[in-house]
Amino acid sequence: YRFDRDEIDAQYFATIDGFMAGYKEGSKIMLVGFADMSGSKEYNTKLSRDRAEGVKDYLMGKYKVASSLITIQVGDLANLAPDKAELNRRVDMYLYWFDFRSSSLDRRQQSEGPQRKLRPFSLEVFLYF
């Protein structure tokens, strides 16, 4: 992001769209907004929220995934590089889902108990722009 801005630079729409290639029904998307340390804590928290909300608005408009989105604002609390402010003006995107598959059970398997298994985080994708 540019300094003191929450608009997504046009060059990053392709990155976001590429991220969405991994989306499947039932997935959840977490958007985490960040800011550099240039402003007050309150201002940076608002700016990071606005950045995450901007990505959320784009995803809702293009992909209709409103129920899948979670936004979090971090402000300047988790800077990647304190000496490189531009790396801290970002939105991290995480895509995850849980897979609750059960196999067909014969009588012997049924007597041994349920075969349903939780597979935590089938996929996690980390992008920042």
C-alpha atoms as a PDB file:
ATOM      1  CA  TYR A   1       0.000   0.000   0.000  1.00  0.00           C
ATOM      2  CA  ARG A   2       1.056   3.544  -0.476  1.00  0.00           C
ATOM      3  CA  PHE A   3       1.763   5.678   2.561  1.00  0.00           C
ATOM      4  CA  ASP A   4      -1.406   6.660   4.455  1.00  0.00           C
ATOM      5  CA  ARG A   5      -3.702   4.927   1.901  1.00  0.00           C
ATOM      6  CA  ASP A   6      -6.161   2.070   2.071  1.00  0.00           C
ATOM      7  CA  GLU A   7      -6.906   1.623  -1.651  1.00  0.00           C
ATOM      8  CA  ILE A   8      -5.645  -1.557  -3.263  1.00  0.00           C
ATOM      9  CA  ASP A   9      -3.081  -0.786  -5.955  1.00  0.00           C
ATOM     10  CA  ALA A  10      -4.333  -2.080  -9.319  1.00  0.00           C
ATOM     11  CA  GLN A  11      -1.243  -4.262  -9.736  1.00  0.00           C
ATOM     12  CA  TYR A  12      -2.374  -6.460  -6.814  1.00  0.00           C
ATOM     13  CA  PHE A  13      -5.794  -7.487  -8.109  1.00  0.00           C
ATOM     14  CA  ALA A  14      -4.150 -10.340 -10.035  1.00  0.00           C
ATOM     15  CA  THR A  15      -2.457 -11.497  -6.809  1.00  0.00           C
ATOM     16  CA  ILE A  16      -5.785 -11.533  -4.989  1.00  0.00           C
ATOM     17  CA  ASP A  17      -7.464 -13.350  -7.870  1.00  0.00           C
ATOM     18  CA  GLY A  18      -4.667 -15.916  -7.898  1.00  0.00           C
ATOM     19  CA  PHE A  19      -5.183 -16.451  -4.180  1.00  0.00           C
ATOM     20  CA  MET A  20      -8.868 -17.124  -4.821  1.00  0.00           C
ATOM     21  CA  ALA A  21      -7.988 -19.937  -7.218  1.00  0.00           C
ATOM     22  CA  GLY A  22      -7.496 -22.058  -4.081  1.00  0.00           C
ATOM     23  CA  TYR A  23     -10.931 -21.220  -2.717  1.00  0.00           C
ATOM     24  CA  LYS A  24     -13.514 -23.973  -2.550  1.00  0.00           C
ATOM     25  CA  GLU A  25     -17.001 -24.149  -1.083  1.00  0.00           C
ATOM     26  CA  GLY A  26     -16.830 -24.153   2.700  1.00  0.00           C
ATOM     27  CA  SER A  27     -13.451 -22.421   2.875  1.00  0.00           C
ATOM     28  CA  LYS A  28     -12.834 -19.545   5.239  1.00  0.00           C
ATOM     29  CA  ILE A  29     -10.745 -16.523   4.376  1.00  0.00           C
ATOM     30  CA  MET A  30      -9.020 -14.479   7.043  1.00  0.00           C
ATOM     31  CA  LEU A  31      -7.790 -11.015   6.089  1.00  0.00           C
ATOM     32  CA  VAL A  32      -5.334  -9.348   8.466  1.00  0.00           C
ATOM     33  CA  GLY A  33      -4.627  -5.655   7.913  1.00  0.00           C
ATOM     34  CA  PHE A  34      -1.386  -3.960   8.935  1.00  0.00           C
ATOM     35  CA  ALA A  35       0.104  -0.462   8.960  1.00  0.00           C
ATOM     36  CA  ASP A  36       3.590   0.940   9.384  1.00  0.00           C
ATOM     37  CA  MET A  37       4.609   2.883  12.482  1.00  0.00           C
ATOM     38  CA  SER A  38       4.144   6.364  11.002  1.00  0.00           C
ATOM     39  CA  GLY A  39       0.908   7.289  12.790  1.00  0.00           C
ATOM     40  CA  SER A  40      -0.580   6.955  16.247  1.00  0.00           C
ATOM     41  CA  LYS A  41      -1.681   3.529  17.480  1.00  0.00           C
ATOM     42  CA  GLU A  42      -5.334   4.517  17.055  1.00  0.00           C
ATOM     43  CA  TYR A  43      -4.818   5.802  13.519  1.00  0.00           C
ATOM     44  CA  ASN A  44      -2.785   2.757  12.473  1.00  0.00           C
ATOM     45  CA  THR A  45      -5.446   0.409  13.849  1.00  0.00           C
ATOM     46  CA  LYS A  46      -8.118   2.210  11.818  1.00  0.00           C
ATOM     47  CA  LEU A  47      -5.947   2.249   8.697  1.00  0.00           C
ATOM     48  CA  SER A  48      -5.183  -1.468   8.991  1.00  0.00           C
ATOM     49  CA  ARG A  49      -8.910  -2.181   9.444  1.00  0.00           C
ATOM     50  CA  ASP A  50      -9.737  -0.102   6.353  1.00  0.00           C
ATOM     51  CA  ARG A  51      -7.131  -1.999   4.318  1.00  0.00           C
ATOM     52  CA  ALA A  52      -8.555  -5.389   5.333  1.00  0.00           C
ATOM     53  CA  GLU A  53     -12.107  -4.143   4.718  1.00  0.00           C
ATOM     54  CA  GLY A  54     -11.102  -2.944   1.243  1.00  0.00           C
ATOM     55  CA  VAL A  55      -9.921  -6.434   0.315  1.00  0.00           C
ATOM     56  CA  LYS A  56     -13.078  -7.856   1.872  1.00  0.00           C
ATOM     57  CA  ASP A  57     -15.232  -5.539  -0.258  1.00  0.00           C
ATOM     58  CA  TYR A  58     -13.366  -6.614  -3.396  1.00  0.00           C
ATOM     59  CA  LEU A  59     -13.812 -10.304  -2.587  1.00  0.00           C
ATOM     60  CA  MET A  60     -17.491  -9.890  -1.743  1.00  0.00           C
ATOM     61  CA  GLY A  61     -18.123  -7.989  -4.956  1.00  0.00           C
ATOM     62  CA  LYS A  62     -16.258 -10.289  -7.296  1.00  0.00           C
ATOM     63  CA  TYR A  63     -16.582 -13.700  -5.636  1.00  0.00           C
ATOM     64  CA  LYS A  64     -19.702 -13.376  -3.436  1.00  0.00           C
ATOM     65  CA  VAL A  65     -17.996 -14.965  -0.416  1.00  0.00           C
ATOM     66  CA  ALA A  66     -19.343 -12.746   2.386  1.00  0.00           C
ATOM     67  CA  SER A  67     -20.080 -15.608   4.788  1.00  0.00           C
ATOM     68  CA  SER A  68     -16.537 -16.927   4.387  1.00  0.00           C
ATOM     69  CA  LEU A  69     -14.684 -13.743   5.379  1.00  0.00           C
ATOM     70  CA  ILE A  70     -13.080 -12.758   8.656  1.00  0.00           C
ATOM     71  CA  THR A  71     -11.190  -9.468   9.009  1.00  0.00           C
ATOM     72  CA  ILE A  72      -8.700  -8.532  11.706  1.00  0.00           C
ATOM     73  CA  GLN A  73      -6.830  -5.280  12.178  1.00  0.00           C
ATOM     74  CA  VAL A  74      -3.398  -5.355  13.762  1.00  0.00           C
ATOM     75  CA  GLY A  75      -2.220  -1.792  13.209  1.00  0.00           C
ATOM     76  CA  ASP A  76       1.533  -1.500  13.666  1.00  0.00           C
ATOM     77  CA  LEU A  77       1.870  -4.263  16.260  1.00  0.00           C
ATOM     78  CA  ALA A  78       3.396  -6.905  13.983  1.00  0.00           C
ATOM     79  CA  ASN A  79       5.840  -5.160  11.700  1.00  0.00           C
ATOM     80  CA  LEU A  80       7.916  -7.409   9.462  1.00  0.00           C
ATOM     81  CA  ALA A  81      10.683  -4.894   9.022  1.00  0.00           C
ATOM     82  CA  PRO A  82      10.736  -1.791  11.225  1.00  0.00           C
ATOM     83  CA  ASP A  83      13.279  -0.137   8.908  1.00  0.00           C
ATOM     84  CA  LYS A  84      11.215  -0.810   5.720  1.00  0.00           C
ATOM     85  CA  ALA A  85       7.823   0.767   6.232  1.00  0.00           C
ATOM     86  CA  GLU A  86       6.488  -0.323   2.827  1.00  0.00           C
ATOM     87  CA  LEU A  87       6.690  -4.006   3.893  1.00  0.00           C
ATOM     88  CA  ASN A  88       4.451  -3.262   6.841  1.00  0.00           C
ATOM     89  CA  ARG A  89       1.654  -1.656   4.791  1.00  0.00           C
ATOM     90  CA  ARG A  90      -0.112  -4.856   3.823  1.00  0.00           C
ATOM     91  CA  VAL A  91      -2.982  -7.274   4.120  1.00  0.00           C
ATOM     92  CA  ASP A  92      -2.142 -10.904   4.837  1.00  0.00           C
ATOM     93  CA  MET A  93      -4.610 -13.395   3.401  1.00  0.00           C
ATOM     94  CA  TYR A  94      -5.173 -16.881   4.811  1.00  0.00           C
ATOM     95  CA  LEU A  95      -7.336 -19.517   3.189  1.00  0.00           C
ATOM     96  CA  TYR A  96      -8.290 -22.560   5.204  1.00  0.00           C
ATOM     97  CA  TRP A  97     -10.882 -25.240   5.548  1.00  0.00           C
ATOM     98  CA  PHE A  98     -11.586 -28.309   7.614  1.00  0.00           C
ATOM     99  CA  ASP A  99     -12.168 -31.650   5.958  1.00  0.00           C
ATOM    100  CA  PHE A 100     -14.608 -33.944   7.760  1.00  0.00           C
ATOM    101  CA  ARG A 101     -14.578 -36.956   5.470  1.00  0.00           C
ATOM    102  CA  SER A 102     -15.872 -40.312   6.508  1.00  0.00           C
ATOM    103  CA  SER A 103     -15.338 -43.488   4.581  1.00  0.00           C
ATOM    104  CA  SER A 104     -18.056 -46.043   3.965  1.00  0.00           C
ATOM    105  CA  LEU A 105     -18.205 -48.387   6.902  1.00  0.00           C
ATOM    106  CA  ASP A 106     -18.923 -52.077   6.906  1.00  0.00           C
ATOM    107  CA  ARG A 107     -20.329 -53.814   9.989  1.00  0.00           C
ATOM    108  CA  ARG A 108     -16.892 -54.710  11.337  1.00  0.00           C
ATOM    109  CA  GLN A 109     -15.712 -51.094  11.105  1.00  0.00           C
ATOM    110  CA  GLN A 110     -18.917 -49.824  12.703  1.00  0.00           C
ATOM    111  CA  SER A 111     -18.327 -52.043  15.740  1.00  0.00           C
ATOM    112  CA  GLU A 112     -14.866 -50.495  16.148  1.00  0.00           C
ATOM    113  CA  GLY A 113     -16.290 -47.005  16.462  1.00  0.00           C
ATOM    114  CA  PRO A 114     -16.679 -44.022  14.176  1.00  0.00           C
ATOM    115  CA  GLN A 115     -14.190 -43.613  11.360  1.00  0.00           C
ATOM    116  CA  ARG A 116     -14.694 -39.872  11.047  1.00  0.00           C
ATOM    117  CA  LYS A 117     -11.424 -37.977  11.362  1.00  0.00           C
ATOM    118  CA  LEU A 118     -10.618 -34.310  11.612  1.00  0.00           C
ATOM    119  CA  ARG A 119      -7.948 -33.192   9.204  1.00  0.00           C
ATOM    120  CA  PRO A 120      -6.857 -29.833  10.515  1.00  0.00           C
ATOM    121  CA  PHE A 121      -6.070 -27.094   8.036  1.00  0.00           C
ATOM    122  CA  SER A 122      -6.117 -28.846   4.705  1.00  0.00           C
ATOM    123  CA  LEU A 123      -4.469 -25.797   3.181  1.00  0.00           C
ATOM    124  CA  GLU A 124      -3.047 -22.531   4.376  1.00  0.00           C
ATOM    125  CA  VAL A 125      -1.952 -19.882   1.941  1.00  0.00           C
ATOM    126  CA  PHE A 126      -0.041 -16.788   3.022  1.00  0.00           C
ATOM    127  CA  LEU A 127       0.171 -13.765   0.767  1.00  0.00           C
ATOM    128  CA  TYR A 128       0.893 -10.174   1.443  1.00  0.00           C
ATOM    129  CA  PHE A 129       0.745  -7.211  -0.869  1.00  0.00           C
END
